[in-house]
PDB file of N, CA and C in Angstrom:
ATOM      1  N   MET A   1      83.707  93.126  77.347  1.00  0.00           N
ATOM      2  CA  MET A   1      83.552  94.479  77.816  1.00  0.00           C
ATOM      3  C   MET A   1      84.817  95.244  77.448  1.00  0.00           C
ATOM      4  N   SER A   2      84.617  96.442  77.000  1.00  0.00           N
ATOM      5  CA  SER A   2      85.771  97.259  76.639  1.00  0.00           C
ATOM      6  C   SER A   2      85.631  98.640  77.249  1.00  0.00           C
ATOM      7  N   GLY A   3      86.641  99.422  77.067  1.00  0.00           N
ATOM      8  CA  GLY A   3      86.617 100.781  77.574  1.00  0.00           C
ATOM      9  C   GLY A   3      86.993 100.860  79.040  1.00  0.00           C
ATOM     10  N   ALA A   4      86.486 101.896  79.679  1.00  0.00           N
ATOM     11  CA  ALA A   4      86.865 102.190  81.060  1.00  0.00           C
ATOM     12  C   ALA A   4      86.084 101.398  82.089  1.00  0.00           C
ATOM     13  N   LEU A   5      84.930 100.834  81.723  1.00  0.00           N
ATOM     14  CA  LEU A   5      84.072 100.193  82.717  1.00  0.00           C
ATOM     15  C   LEU A   5      84.761  99.099  83.534  1.00  0.00           C
ATOM     16  N   PRO A   6      85.537  98.199  82.920  1.00  0.00           N
ATOM     17  CA  PRO A   6      86.201  97.184  83.765  1.00  0.00           C
ATOM     18  C   PRO A   6      87.107  97.808  84.828  1.00  0.00           C
ATOM     19  N   TYR A   7      87.771  98.898  84.475  1.00  0.00           N
ATOM     20  CA  TYR A   7      88.656  99.571  85.423  1.00  0.00           C
ATOM     21  C   TYR A   7      87.864 100.202  86.569  1.00  0.00           C
ATOM     22  N   VAL A   8      86.727 100.760  86.240  1.00  0.00           N
ATOM     23  CA  VAL A   8      85.867 101.352  87.265  1.00  0.00           C
ATOM     24  C   VAL A   8      85.351 100.259  88.200  1.00  0.00           C
ATOM     25  N   LEU A   9      84.921  99.143  87.631  1.00  0.00           N
ATOM     26  CA  LEU A   9      84.414  98.037  88.453  1.00  0.00           C
ATOM     27  C   LEU A   9      85.503  97.483  89.371  1.00  0.00           C
ATOM     28  N   VAL A  10      86.717  97.315  88.848  1.00  0.00           N
ATOM     29  CA  VAL A  10      87.832  96.837  89.673  1.00  0.00           C
ATOM     30  C   VAL A  10      88.145  97.846  90.771  1.00  0.00           C
ATOM     31  N   ALA A  11      88.128  99.127  90.437  1.00  0.00           N
ATOM     32  CA  ALA A  11      88.439 100.165  91.424  1.00  0.00           C
ATOM     33  C   ALA A  11      87.393 100.201  92.541  1.00  0.00           C
ATOM     34  N   VAL A  12      86.137 100.134  92.190  1.00  0.00           N
ATOM     35  CA  VAL A  12      85.066 100.154  93.196  1.00  0.00           C
ATOM     36  C   VAL A  12      85.159  98.911  94.083  1.00  0.00           C
ATOM     37  N   GLY A  13      85.318  97.756  93.452  1.00  0.00           N
ATOM     38  CA  GLY A  13      85.453  96.517  94.219  1.00  0.00           C
ATOM     39  C   GLY A  13      86.698  96.525  95.083  1.00  0.00           C
ATOM     40  N   GLY A  14      87.801  97.033  94.528  1.00  0.00           N
ATOM     41  CA  GLY A  14      89.053  97.090  95.280  1.00  0.00           C
ATOM     42  C   GLY A  14      88.960  97.988  96.494  1.00  0.00           C
ATOM     43  N   ALA A  15      88.315  99.132  96.338  1.00  0.00           N
ATOM     44  CA  ALA A  15      88.140 100.037  97.483  1.00  0.00           C
ATOM     45  C   ALA A  15      87.315  99.357  98.567  1.00  0.00           C
ATOM     46  N   ALA A  16      86.233  98.707  98.176  1.00  0.00           N
ATOM     47  CA  ALA A  16      85.382  98.020  99.151  1.00  0.00           C
ATOM     48  C   ALA A  16      86.134  96.873  99.826  1.00  0.00           C
ATOM     49  N   GLY A  17      86.940  96.152  99.059  1.00  0.00           N
ATOM     50  CA  GLY A  17      87.710  95.052  99.622  1.00  0.00           C
ATOM     51  C   GLY A  17      88.762  95.516 100.612  1.00  0.00           C
ATOM     52  N   ALA A  18      89.456  96.595 100.267  1.00  0.00           N
ATOM     53  CA  ALA A  18      90.490  97.123 101.156  1.00  0.00           C
ATOM     54  C   ALA A  18      89.891  97.649 102.452  1.00  0.00           C
ATOM     55  N   VAL A  19      88.786  98.366 102.356  1.00  0.00           N
ATOM     56  CA  VAL A  19      88.119  98.881 103.553  1.00  0.00           C
ATOM     57  C   VAL A  19      87.578  97.724 104.398  1.00  0.00           C
ATOM     58  N   SER A  20      87.043  96.711 103.757  1.00  0.00           N
ATOM     59  CA  SER A  20      86.529  95.549 104.488  1.00  0.00           C
ATOM     60  C   SER A  20      87.651  94.814 105.221  1.00  0.00           C
ATOM     61  N   ARG A  21      88.793  94.668 104.551  1.00  0.00           N
ATOM     62  CA  ARG A  21      89.937  94.019 105.192  1.00  0.00           C
ATOM     63  C   ARG A  21      90.398  94.821 106.400  1.00  0.00           C
ATOM     64  N   PHE A  22      90.501  96.115 106.263  1.00  0.00           N
ATOM     65  CA  PHE A  22      90.928  96.972 107.362  1.00  0.00           C
ATOM     66  C   PHE A  22      89.939  96.898 108.524  1.00  0.00           C
ATOM     67  N   ALA A  23      88.649  96.971 108.225  1.00  0.00           N
ATOM     68  CA  ALA A  23      87.623  96.923 109.272  1.00  0.00           C
ATOM     69  C   ALA A  23      87.637  95.578 109.995  1.00  0.00           C
ATOM     70  N   LEU A  24      87.790  94.497 109.258  1.00  0.00           N
ATOM     71  CA  LEU A  24      87.838  93.176 109.875  1.00  0.00           C
ATOM     72  C   LEU A  24      89.067  93.040 110.765  1.00  0.00           C
ATOM     73  N   ALA A  25      90.198  93.578 110.333  1.00  0.00           N
ATOM     74  CA  ALA A  25      91.412  93.536 111.148  1.00  0.00           C
ATOM     75  C   ALA A  25      91.221  94.331 112.435  1.00  0.00           C
ATOM     76  N   GLN A  26      90.633  95.502 112.337  1.00  0.00           N
ATOM     77  CA  GLN A  26      90.396  96.315 113.527  1.00  0.00           C
ATOM     78  C   GLN A  26      89.470  95.598 114.501  1.00  0.00           C
ATOM     79  N   LEU A  27      88.425  95.005 113.989  1.00  0.00           N
ATOM     80  CA  LEU A  27      87.475  94.267 114.822  1.00  0.00           C
ATOM     81  C   LEU A  27      88.138  93.052 115.465  1.00  0.00           C
ATOM     82  N   THR A  28      88.918  92.334 114.681  1.00  0.00           N
ATOM     83  CA  THR A  28      89.590  91.133 115.183  1.00  0.00           C
ATOM     84  C   THR A  28      90.543  91.477 116.316  1.00  0.00           C
ATOM     85  N   TYR A  29      91.415  92.444 116.077  1.00  0.00           N
ATOM     86  CA  TYR A  29      92.430  92.758 117.077  1.00  0.00           C
ATOM     87  C   TYR A  29      91.893  93.520 118.280  1.00  0.00           C
ATOM     88  N   ALA A  30      90.677  94.015 118.186  1.00  0.00           N
ATOM     89  CA  ALA A  30      90.044  94.641 119.350  1.00  0.00           C
ATOM     90  C   ALA A  30      89.542  93.585 120.334  1.00  0.00           C
ATOM     91  N   HIS A  31      89.413  92.343 119.849  1.00  0.00           N
ATOM     92  CA  HIS A  31      88.804  91.301 120.676  1.00  0.00           C
ATOM     93  C   HIS A  31      89.688  90.092 120.956  1.00  0.00           C
ATOM     94  N   ILE A  32      90.855  89.986 120.334  1.00  0.00           N
ATOM     95  CA  ILE A  32      91.707  88.816 120.580  1.00  0.00           C
ATOM     96  C   ILE A  32      93.161  89.244 120.786  1.00  0.00           C
ATOM     97  N   ARG A  33      93.957  88.287 121.261  1.00  0.00           N
ATOM     98  CA  ARG A  33      95.378  88.548 121.493  1.00  0.00           C
ATOM     99  C   ARG A  33      96.107  88.756 120.166  1.00  0.00           C
ATOM    100  N   HIS A  34      97.262  89.388 120.271  1.00  0.00           N
ATOM    101  CA  HIS A  34      98.066  89.703 119.086  1.00  0.00           C
ATOM    102  C   HIS A  34      99.243  88.732 118.922  1.00  0.00           C
ATOM    103  N   ASP A  35      99.135  87.528 119.443  1.00  0.00           N
ATOM    104  CA  ASP A  35     100.258  86.591 119.386  1.00  0.00           C
ATOM    105  C   ASP A  35     100.316  85.796 118.085  1.00  0.00           C
ATOM    106  N   TRP A  36      99.381  86.013 117.208  1.00  0.00           N
ATOM    107  CA  TRP A  36      99.305  85.308 115.928  1.00  0.00           C
ATOM    108  C   TRP A  36      98.634  86.266 114.958  1.00  0.00           C
ATOM    109  N   PRO A  37      98.985  86.257 113.694  1.00  0.00           N
ATOM    110  CA  PRO A  37      98.349  87.166 112.726  1.00  0.00           C
ATOM    111  C   PRO A  37      96.928  86.703 112.367  1.00  0.00           C
ATOM    112  N   TRP A  38      96.030  86.712 113.351  1.00  0.00           N
ATOM    113  CA  TRP A  38      94.669  86.179 113.181  1.00  0.00           C
ATOM    114  C   TRP A  38      93.895  86.874 112.072  1.00  0.00           C
ATOM    115  N   ALA A  39      93.974  88.178 112.006  1.00  0.00           N
ATOM    116  CA  ALA A  39      93.181  88.911 111.017  1.00  0.00           C
ATOM    117  C   ALA A  39      93.603  88.539 109.595  1.00  0.00           C
ATOM    118  N   THR A  40      94.892  88.514 109.338  1.00  0.00           N
ATOM    119  CA  THR A  40      95.376  88.157 108.005  1.00  0.00           C
ATOM    120  C   THR A  40      95.018  86.716 107.675  1.00  0.00           C
ATOM    121  N   PHE A  41      95.208  85.833 108.640  1.00  0.00           N
ATOM    122  CA  PHE A  41      94.855  84.424 108.452  1.00  0.00           C
ATOM    123  C   PHE A  41      93.372  84.291 108.100  1.00  0.00           C
ATOM    124  N   GLY A  42      92.514  84.954 108.869  1.00  0.00           N
ATOM    125  CA  GLY A  42      91.072  84.865 108.640  1.00  0.00           C
ATOM    126  C   GLY A  42      90.643  85.461 107.310  1.00  0.00           C
ATOM    127  N   VAL A  43      91.225  86.592 106.958  1.00  0.00           N
ATOM    128  CA  VAL A  43      90.902  87.247 105.692  1.00  0.00           C
ATOM    129  C   VAL A  43      91.296  86.359 104.518  1.00  0.00           C
ATOM    130  N   ASN A  44      92.470  85.763 104.574  1.00  0.00           N
ATOM    131  CA  ASN A  44      92.910  84.905 103.471  1.00  0.00           C
ATOM    132  C   ASN A  44      92.044  83.658 103.354  1.00  0.00           C
ATOM    133  N   ALA A  45      91.682  83.040 104.473  1.00  0.00           N
ATOM    134  CA  ALA A  45      90.822  81.850 104.436  1.00  0.00           C
ATOM    135  C   ALA A  45      89.425  82.226 103.932  1.00  0.00           C
ATOM    136  N   LEU A  46      88.852  83.297 104.468  1.00  0.00           N
ATOM    137  CA  LEU A  46      87.525  83.732 104.035  1.00  0.00           C
ATOM    138  C   LEU A  46      87.540  84.147 102.567  1.00  0.00           C
ATOM    139  N   GLY A  47      88.558  84.885 102.169  1.00  0.00           N
ATOM    140  CA  GLY A  47      88.661  85.308 100.773  1.00  0.00           C
ATOM    141  C   GLY A  47      88.766  84.131  99.826  1.00  0.00           C
ATOM    142  N   SER A  48      89.449  83.087 100.246  1.00  0.00           N
ATOM    143  CA  SER A  48      89.568  81.893  99.405  1.00  0.00           C
ATOM    144  C   SER A  48      88.221  81.180  99.264  1.00  0.00           C
ATOM    145  N   LEU A  49      87.471  81.108 100.355  1.00  0.00           N
ATOM    146  CA  LEU A  49      86.126  80.536 100.283  1.00  0.00           C
ATOM    147  C   LEU A  49      85.249  81.368  99.351  1.00  0.00           C
ATOM    148  N   LEU A  50      85.284  82.674  99.525  1.00  0.00           N
ATOM    149  CA  LEU A  50      84.452  83.553  98.714  1.00  0.00           C
ATOM    150  C   LEU A  50      84.821  83.509  97.234  1.00  0.00           C
ATOM    151  N   ILE A  51      86.116  83.397  96.926  1.00  0.00           N
ATOM    152  CA  ILE A  51      86.496  83.351  95.512  1.00  0.00           C
ATOM    153  C   ILE A  51      86.011  82.048  94.870  1.00  0.00           C
ATOM    154  N   GLY A  52      85.994  80.968  95.641  1.00  0.00           N
ATOM    155  CA  GLY A  52      85.446  79.716  95.127  1.00  0.00           C
ATOM    156  C   GLY A  52      83.958  79.831  94.848  1.00  0.00           C
ATOM    157  N   LEU A  53      83.224  80.420  95.788  1.00  0.00           N
ATOM    158  CA  LEU A  53      81.786  80.615  95.612  1.00  0.00           C
ATOM    159  C   LEU A  53      81.487  81.512  94.417  1.00  0.00           C
ATOM    160  N   MET A  54      82.180  82.636  94.337  1.00  0.00           N
ATOM    161  CA  MET A  54      81.919  83.599  93.270  1.00  0.00           C
ATOM    162  C   MET A  54      82.310  83.045  91.897  1.00  0.00           C
ATOM    163  N   TYR A  55      83.380  82.276  91.855  1.00  0.00           N
ATOM    164  CA  TYR A  55      83.806  81.668  90.597  1.00  0.00           C
ATOM    165  C   TYR A  55      82.689  80.804  90.017  1.00  0.00           C
ATOM    166  N   VAL A  56      82.105  79.962  90.865  1.00  0.00           N
ATOM    167  CA  VAL A  56      81.040  79.081  90.386  1.00  0.00           C
ATOM    168  C   VAL A  56      79.797  79.896  90.020  1.00  0.00           C
ATOM    169  N   LEU A  57      79.426  80.865  90.862  1.00  0.00           N
ATOM    170  CA  LEU A  57      78.242  81.676  90.571  1.00  0.00           C
ATOM    171  C   LEU A  57      78.367  82.424  89.246  1.00  0.00           C
ATOM    172  N   ILE A  58      79.551  82.904  88.947  1.00  0.00           N
ATOM    173  CA  ILE A  58      79.739  83.712  87.739  1.00  0.00           C
ATOM    174  C   ILE A  58      80.000  82.856  86.509  1.00  0.00           C
ATOM    175  N   THR A  59      80.849  81.831  86.628  1.00  0.00           N
ATOM    176  CA  THR A  59      81.262  81.099  85.427  1.00  0.00           C
ATOM    177  C   THR A  59      80.455  79.845  85.141  1.00  0.00           C
ATOM    178  N   GLU A  60      79.879  79.229  86.179  1.00  0.00           N
ATOM    179  CA  GLU A  60      79.183  77.964  85.951  1.00  0.00           C
ATOM    180  C   GLU A  60      77.679  78.050  86.155  1.00  0.00           C
ATOM    181  N   LYS A  61      77.256  78.754  87.170  1.00  0.00           N
ATOM    182  CA  LYS A  61      75.820  78.849  87.467  1.00  0.00           C
ATOM    183  C   LYS A  61      75.165  79.998  86.708  1.00  0.00           C
ATOM    184  N   THR A  62      75.968  80.879  86.156  1.00  0.00           N
ATOM    185  CA  THR A  62      75.512  82.096  85.485  1.00  0.00           C
ATOM    186  C   THR A  62      74.431  82.820  86.283  1.00  0.00           C
ATOM    187  N   ALA A  63      74.573  82.761  87.606  1.00  0.00           N
ATOM    188  CA  ALA A  63      73.649  83.472  88.489  1.00  0.00           C
ATOM    189  C   ALA A  63      73.958  84.961  88.509  1.00  0.00           C
ATOM    190  N   LEU A  64      75.158  85.309  88.106  1.00  0.00           N
ATOM    191  CA  LEU A  64      75.572  86.710  88.061  1.00  0.00           C
ATOM    192  C   LEU A  64      76.157  87.014  86.684  1.00  0.00           C
ATOM    193  N   HIS A  65      75.985  88.228  86.244  1.00  0.00           N
ATOM    194  CA  HIS A  65      76.542  88.670  84.964  1.00  0.00           C
ATOM    195  C   HIS A  65      78.064  88.544  85.012  1.00  0.00           C
ATOM    196  N   PRO A  66      78.710  88.169  83.920  1.00  0.00           N
ATOM    197  CA  PRO A  66      80.176  88.027  83.899  1.00  0.00           C
ATOM    198  C   PRO A  66      80.938  89.279  84.332  1.00  0.00           C
ATOM    199  N   ASP A  67      80.343  90.460  84.175  1.00  0.00           N
ATOM    200  CA  ASP A  67      81.016  91.687  84.594  1.00  0.00           C
ATOM    201  C   ASP A  67      81.248  91.738  86.101  1.00  0.00           C
ATOM    202  N   TRP A  68      80.476  90.975  86.862  1.00  0.00           N
ATOM    203  CA  TRP A  68      80.679  90.937  88.313  1.00  0.00           C
ATOM    204  C   TRP A  68      82.058  90.389  88.657  1.00  0.00           C
ATOM    205  N   ARG A  69      82.662  89.625  87.738  1.00  0.00           N
ATOM    206  CA  ARG A  69      84.009  89.097  87.968  1.00  0.00           C
ATOM    207  C   ARG A  69      84.994  90.233  88.208  1.00  0.00           C
ATOM    208  N   TYR A  70      84.854  91.315  87.446  1.00  0.00           N
ATOM    209  CA  TYR A  70      85.760  92.452  87.614  1.00  0.00           C
ATOM    210  C   TYR A  70      85.628  93.065  89.006  1.00  0.00           C
ATOM    211  N   MET A  71      84.393  93.277  89.422  1.00  0.00           N
ATOM    212  CA  MET A  71      84.175  93.956  90.692  1.00  0.00           C
ATOM    213  C   MET A  71      84.451  93.044  91.878  1.00  0.00           C
ATOM    214  N   VAL A  72      83.962  91.817  91.831  1.00  0.00           N
ATOM    215  CA  VAL A  72      84.033  90.952  93.008  1.00  0.00           C
ATOM    216  C   VAL A  72      85.343  90.174  93.084  1.00  0.00           C
ATOM    217  N   ILE A  73      85.687  89.454  92.034  1.00  0.00           N
ATOM    218  CA  ILE A  73      86.867  88.583  92.093  1.00  0.00           C
ATOM    219  C   ILE A  73      88.158  89.397  91.962  1.00  0.00           C
ATOM    220  N   VAL A  74      88.264  90.206  90.923  1.00  0.00           N
ATOM    221  CA  VAL A  74      89.496  90.963  90.712  1.00  0.00           C
ATOM    222  C   VAL A  74      89.604  92.125  91.698  1.00  0.00           C
ATOM    223  N   GLY A  75      88.542  92.900  91.837  1.00  0.00           N
ATOM    224  CA  GLY A  75      88.578  94.090  92.681  1.00  0.00           C
ATOM    225  C   GLY A  75      88.460  93.787  94.166  1.00  0.00           C
ATOM    226  N   PHE A  76      87.259  93.367  94.592  1.00  0.00           N
ATOM    227  CA  PHE A  76      87.000  93.183  96.024  1.00  0.00           C
ATOM    228  C   PHE A  76      87.920  92.134  96.638  1.00  0.00           C
ATOM    229  N   LEU A  77      87.912  90.928  96.084  1.00  0.00           N
ATOM    230  CA  LEU A  77      88.712  89.852  96.688  1.00  0.00           C
ATOM    231  C   LEU A  77      90.201  90.059  96.477  1.00  0.00           C
ATOM    232  N   GLY A  78      90.585  90.702  95.378  1.00  0.00           N
ATOM    233  CA  GLY A  78      91.994  91.026  95.168  1.00  0.00           C
ATOM    234  C   GLY A  78      92.528  91.964  96.239  1.00  0.00           C
ATOM    235  N   ALA A  79      91.706  92.908  96.660  1.00  0.00           N
ATOM    236  CA  ALA A  79      92.121  93.844  97.710  1.00  0.00           C
ATOM    237  C   ALA A  79      91.855  93.294  99.102  1.00  0.00           C
ATOM    238  N   PHE A  80      90.866  92.424  99.226  1.00  0.00           N
ATOM    239  CA  PHE A  80      90.486  91.882 100.532  1.00  0.00           C
ATOM    240  C   PHE A  80      91.504  90.876 101.055  1.00  0.00           C
ATOM    241  N   THR A  81      91.980  89.994 100.197  1.00  0.00           N
ATOM    242  CA  THR A  81      92.968  89.017 100.636  1.00  0.00           C
ATOM    243  C   THR A  81      94.327  89.680 100.737  1.00  0.00           C
ATOM    244  N   THR A  82      95.194  89.098 101.519  1.00  0.00           N
ATOM    245  CA  THR A  82      96.387  89.838 101.932  1.00  0.00           C
ATOM    246  C   THR A  82      97.655  88.992 101.892  1.00  0.00           C
ATOM    247  N   PHE A  83      97.931  88.372 100.773  1.00  0.00           N
ATOM    248  CA  PHE A  83      99.112  87.517 100.763  1.00  0.00           C
ATOM    249  C   PHE A  83     100.414  88.296 100.880  1.00  0.00           C
ATOM    250  N   SER A  84     100.434  89.545 100.485  1.00  0.00           N
ATOM    251  CA  SER A  84     101.653  90.315 100.703  1.00  0.00           C
ATOM    252  C   SER A  84     101.852  90.562 102.195  1.00  0.00           C
ATOM    253  N   THR A  85     100.777  90.853 102.899  1.00  0.00           N
ATOM    254  CA  THR A  85     100.852  91.011 104.349  1.00  0.00           C
ATOM    255  C   THR A  85     101.220  89.685 105.000  1.00  0.00           C
ATOM    256  N   PHE A  86     100.640  88.613 104.502  1.00  0.00           N
ATOM    257  CA  PHE A  86     100.960  87.269 104.990  1.00  0.00           C
ATOM    258  C   PHE A  86     102.470  87.010 104.881  1.00  0.00           C
ATOM    259  N   SER A  87     103.051  87.369 103.763  1.00  0.00           N
ATOM    260  CA  SER A  87     104.484  87.159 103.571  1.00  0.00           C
ATOM    261  C   SER A  87     105.306  87.968 104.560  1.00  0.00           C
ATOM    262  N   LEU A  88     104.944  89.233 104.737  1.00  0.00           N
ATOM    263  CA  LEU A  88     105.668  90.099 105.667  1.00  0.00           C
ATOM    264  C   LEU A  88     105.547  89.585 107.102  1.00  0.00           C
ATOM    265  N   GLU A  89     104.360  89.147 107.497  1.00  0.00           N
ATOM    266  CA  GLU A  89     104.163  88.635 108.856  1.00  0.00           C
ATOM    267  C   GLU A  89     104.929  87.328 109.078  1.00  0.00           C
ATOM    268  N   THR A  90     105.043  86.511 108.040  1.00  0.00           N
ATOM    269  CA  THR A  90     105.822  85.278 108.143  1.00  0.00           C
ATOM    270  C   THR A  90     107.296  85.592 108.387  1.00  0.00           C
ATOM    271  N   VAL A  91     107.817  86.534 107.614  1.00  0.00           N
ATOM    272  CA  VAL A  91     109.211  86.946 107.797  1.00  0.00           C
ATOM    273  C   VAL A  91     109.406  87.559 109.186  1.00  0.00           C
ATOM    274  N   ALA A  92     108.443  88.340 109.645  1.00  0.00           N
ATOM    275  CA  ALA A  92     108.536  88.944 110.984  1.00  0.00           C
ATOM    276  C   ALA A  92     108.595  87.867 112.068  1.00  0.00           C
ATOM    277  N   LEU A  93     107.808  86.810 111.920  1.00  0.00           N
ATOM    278  CA  LEU A  93     107.870  85.710 112.882  1.00  0.00           C
ATOM    279  C   LEU A  93     109.251  85.053 112.859  1.00  0.00           C
ATOM    280  N   ILE A  94     109.791  84.840 111.676  1.00  0.00           N
ATOM    281  CA  ILE A  94     111.122  84.242 111.550  1.00  0.00           C
ATOM    282  C   ILE A  94     112.174  85.145 112.190  1.00  0.00           C
ATOM    283  N   GLU A  95     112.116  86.437 111.894  1.00  0.00           N
ATOM    284  CA  GLU A  95     113.097  87.375 112.439  1.00  0.00           C
ATOM    285  C   GLU A  95     112.966  87.527 113.950  1.00  0.00           C
ATOM    286  N   ALA A  96     111.781  87.224 114.485  1.00  0.00           N
ATOM    287  CA  ALA A  96     111.568  87.290 115.933  1.00  0.00           C
ATOM    288  C   ALA A  96     112.009  85.995 116.616  1.00  0.00           C
ATOM    289  N   GLY A  97     112.622  85.090 115.842  1.00  0.00           N
ATOM    290  CA  GLY A  97     113.090  83.833 116.411  1.00  0.00           C
ATOM    291  C   GLY A  97     111.986  82.800 116.584  1.00  0.00           C
ATOM    292  N   ARG A  98     110.882  82.979 115.888  1.00  0.00           N
ATOM    293  CA  ARG A  98     109.735  82.080 116.016  1.00  0.00           C
ATOM    294  C   ARG A  98     109.542  81.289 114.718  1.00  0.00           C
ATOM    295  N   ALA A  99     110.599  80.579 114.315  1.00  0.00           N
ATOM    296  CA  ALA A  99     110.570  79.845 113.053  1.00  0.00           C
ATOM    297  C   ALA A  99     109.474  78.789 113.027  1.00  0.00           C
ATOM    298  N   LEU A 100     109.254  78.097 114.134  1.00  0.00           N
ATOM    299  CA  LEU A 100     108.206  77.080 114.168  1.00  0.00           C
ATOM    300  C   LEU A 100     106.824  77.714 114.004  1.00  0.00           C
ATOM    301  N   ALA A 101     106.596  78.852 114.654  1.00  0.00           N
ATOM    302  CA  ALA A 101     105.329  79.568 114.496  1.00  0.00           C
ATOM    303  C   ALA A 101     105.163  80.017 113.047  1.00  0.00           C
ATOM    304  N   ALA A 102     106.248  80.475 112.421  1.00  0.00           N
ATOM    305  CA  ALA A 102     106.188  80.899 111.023  1.00  0.00           C
ATOM    306  C   ALA A 102     105.820  79.730 110.117  1.00  0.00           C
ATOM    307  N   LEU A 103     106.447  78.581 110.349  1.00  0.00           N
ATOM    308  CA  LEU A 103     106.142  77.399 109.548  1.00  0.00           C
ATOM    309  C   LEU A 103     104.689  76.976 109.740  1.00  0.00           C
ATOM    310  N   LEU A 104     104.223  76.962 110.972  1.00  0.00           N
ATOM    311  CA  LEU A 104     102.828  76.613 111.255  1.00  0.00           C
ATOM    312  C   LEU A 104     101.884  77.597 110.569  1.00  0.00           C
ATOM    313  N   TYR A 105     102.223  78.881 110.618  1.00  0.00           N
ATOM    314  CA  TYR A 105     101.407  79.911 109.992  1.00  0.00           C
ATOM    315  C   TYR A 105     101.318  79.695 108.480  1.00  0.00           C
ATOM    316  N   VAL A 106     102.438  79.388 107.834  1.00  0.00           N
ATOM    317  CA  VAL A 106     102.446  79.152 106.387  1.00  0.00           C
ATOM    318  C   VAL A 106     101.586  77.939 106.045  1.00  0.00           C
ATOM    319  N   VAL A 107     101.797  76.835 106.751  1.00  0.00           N
ATOM    320  CA  VAL A 107     101.051  75.608 106.462  1.00  0.00           C
ATOM    321  C   VAL A 107      99.552  75.804 106.720  1.00  0.00           C
ATOM    322  N   ALA A 108      99.214  76.412 107.862  1.00  0.00           N
ATOM    323  CA  ALA A 108      97.803  76.622 108.198  1.00  0.00           C
ATOM    324  C   ALA A 108      97.129  77.574 107.211  1.00  0.00           C
ATOM    325  N   THR A 109      97.811  78.624 106.819  1.00  0.00           N
ATOM    326  CA  THR A 109      97.228  79.585 105.887  1.00  0.00           C
ATOM    327  C   THR A 109      97.014  78.961 104.514  1.00  0.00           C
ATOM    328  N   LEU A 110      98.054  78.349 103.980  1.00  0.00           N
ATOM    329  CA  LEU A 110      97.925  77.761 102.647  1.00  0.00           C
ATOM    330  C   LEU A 110      96.892  76.633 102.636  1.00  0.00           C
ATOM    331  N   GLY A 111      96.929  75.781 103.647  1.00  0.00           N
ATOM    332  CA  GLY A 111      95.964  74.688 103.720  1.00  0.00           C
ATOM    333  C   GLY A 111      94.535  75.181 103.812  1.00  0.00           C
ATOM    334  N   SER A 112      94.279  76.155 104.686  1.00  0.00           N
ATOM    335  CA  SER A 112      92.911  76.644 104.856  1.00  0.00           C
ATOM    336  C   SER A 112      92.427  77.416 103.632  1.00  0.00           C
ATOM    337  N   CYS A 113      93.326  78.112 102.944  1.00  0.00           N
ATOM    338  CA  CYS A 113      92.916  78.858 101.756  1.00  0.00           C
ATOM    339  C   CYS A 113      92.576  77.934 100.594  1.00  0.00           C
ATOM    340  N   VAL A 114      93.391  76.927 100.360  1.00  0.00           N
ATOM    341  CA  VAL A 114      93.085  75.965  99.301  1.00  0.00           C
ATOM    342  C   VAL A 114      91.805  75.205  99.650  1.00  0.00           C
ATOM    343  N   LEU A 115      91.677  74.789 100.905  1.00  0.00           N
ATOM    344  CA  LEU A 115      90.468  74.103 101.352  1.00  0.00           C
ATOM    345  C   LEU A 115      89.245  75.008 101.212  1.00  0.00           C
ATOM    346  N   GLY A 116      89.383  76.278 101.590  1.00  0.00           N
ATOM    347  CA  GLY A 116      88.272  77.210 101.473  1.00  0.00           C
ATOM    348  C   GLY A 116      87.821  77.401 100.046  1.00  0.00           C
ATOM    349  N   CYS A 117      88.756  77.549  99.137  1.00  0.00           N
ATOM    350  CA  CYS A 117      88.414  77.704  97.722  1.00  0.00           C
ATOM    351  C   CYS A 117      87.709  76.458  97.206  1.00  0.00           C
ATOM    352  N   TRP A 118      88.255  75.288  97.517  1.00  0.00           N
ATOM    353  CA  TRP A 118      87.635  74.023  97.118  1.00  0.00           C
ATOM    354  C   TRP A 118      86.227  73.893  97.700  1.00  0.00           C
ATOM    355  N   LEU A 119      86.076  74.247  98.965  1.00  0.00           N
ATOM    356  CA  LEU A 119      84.791  74.158  99.636  1.00  0.00           C
ATOM    357  C   LEU A 119      83.771  75.090  98.970  1.00  0.00           C
ATOM    358  N   GLY A 120      84.189  76.309  98.659  1.00  0.00           N
ATOM    359  CA  GLY A 120      83.301  77.249  97.987  1.00  0.00           C
ATOM    360  C   GLY A 120      82.819  76.717  96.646  1.00  0.00           C
ATOM    361  N   ILE A 121      83.731  76.172  95.863  1.00  0.00           N
ATOM    362  CA  ILE A 121      83.369  75.598  94.563  1.00  0.00           C
ATOM    363  C   ILE A 121      82.443  74.412  94.755  1.00  0.00           C
ATOM    364  N   THR A 122      82.781  73.514  95.676  1.00  0.00           N
ATOM    365  CA  THR A 122      82.008  72.313  95.913  1.00  0.00           C
ATOM    366  C   THR A 122      80.594  72.629  96.425  1.00  0.00           C
ATOM    367  N   LEU A 123      80.478  73.595  97.306  1.00  0.00           N
ATOM    368  CA  LEU A 123      79.171  73.946  97.867  1.00  0.00           C
ATOM    369  C   LEU A 123      78.189  74.413  96.797  1.00  0.00           C
ATOM    370  N   LEU A 124      78.683  75.145  95.824  1.00  0.00           N
ATOM    371  CA  LEU A 124      77.785  75.665  94.795  1.00  0.00           C
ATOM    372  C   LEU A 124      77.620  74.766  93.590  1.00  0.00           C
ATOM    373  N   ARG A 125      78.467  73.782  93.462  1.00  0.00           N
ATOM    374  CA  ARG A 125      78.287  72.835  92.350  1.00  0.00           C
ATOM    375  C   ARG A 125      77.261  71.829  92.768  1.00  0.00           C
TER     376      ARG A 125
END
């Protein structure tokens, strides 16, 4: 694919991903305590599962046209997952004197995201 279309697909997917991340965070924090970055943790784990599923659907199962990669994987999931926010929240935990919580957050996030991606790939293979 050439021209402007890939950029349009990434932009549309990115807008949807960013709005979805924001909405999920608002919903999450309206219903649970704020003692842990639950929304960011959940978004990163869910996004990792979804990227595994979409990768297989697009590249191996050919259930979706390859152009969907631009909109879903690069755009939507690129904006939906929040590793920059994850990094900032980790540093905030450390600066708040909660180094053990920060370490647990890093290990739990990375472990669940890698597991989620693997699970997504495995489920569709």
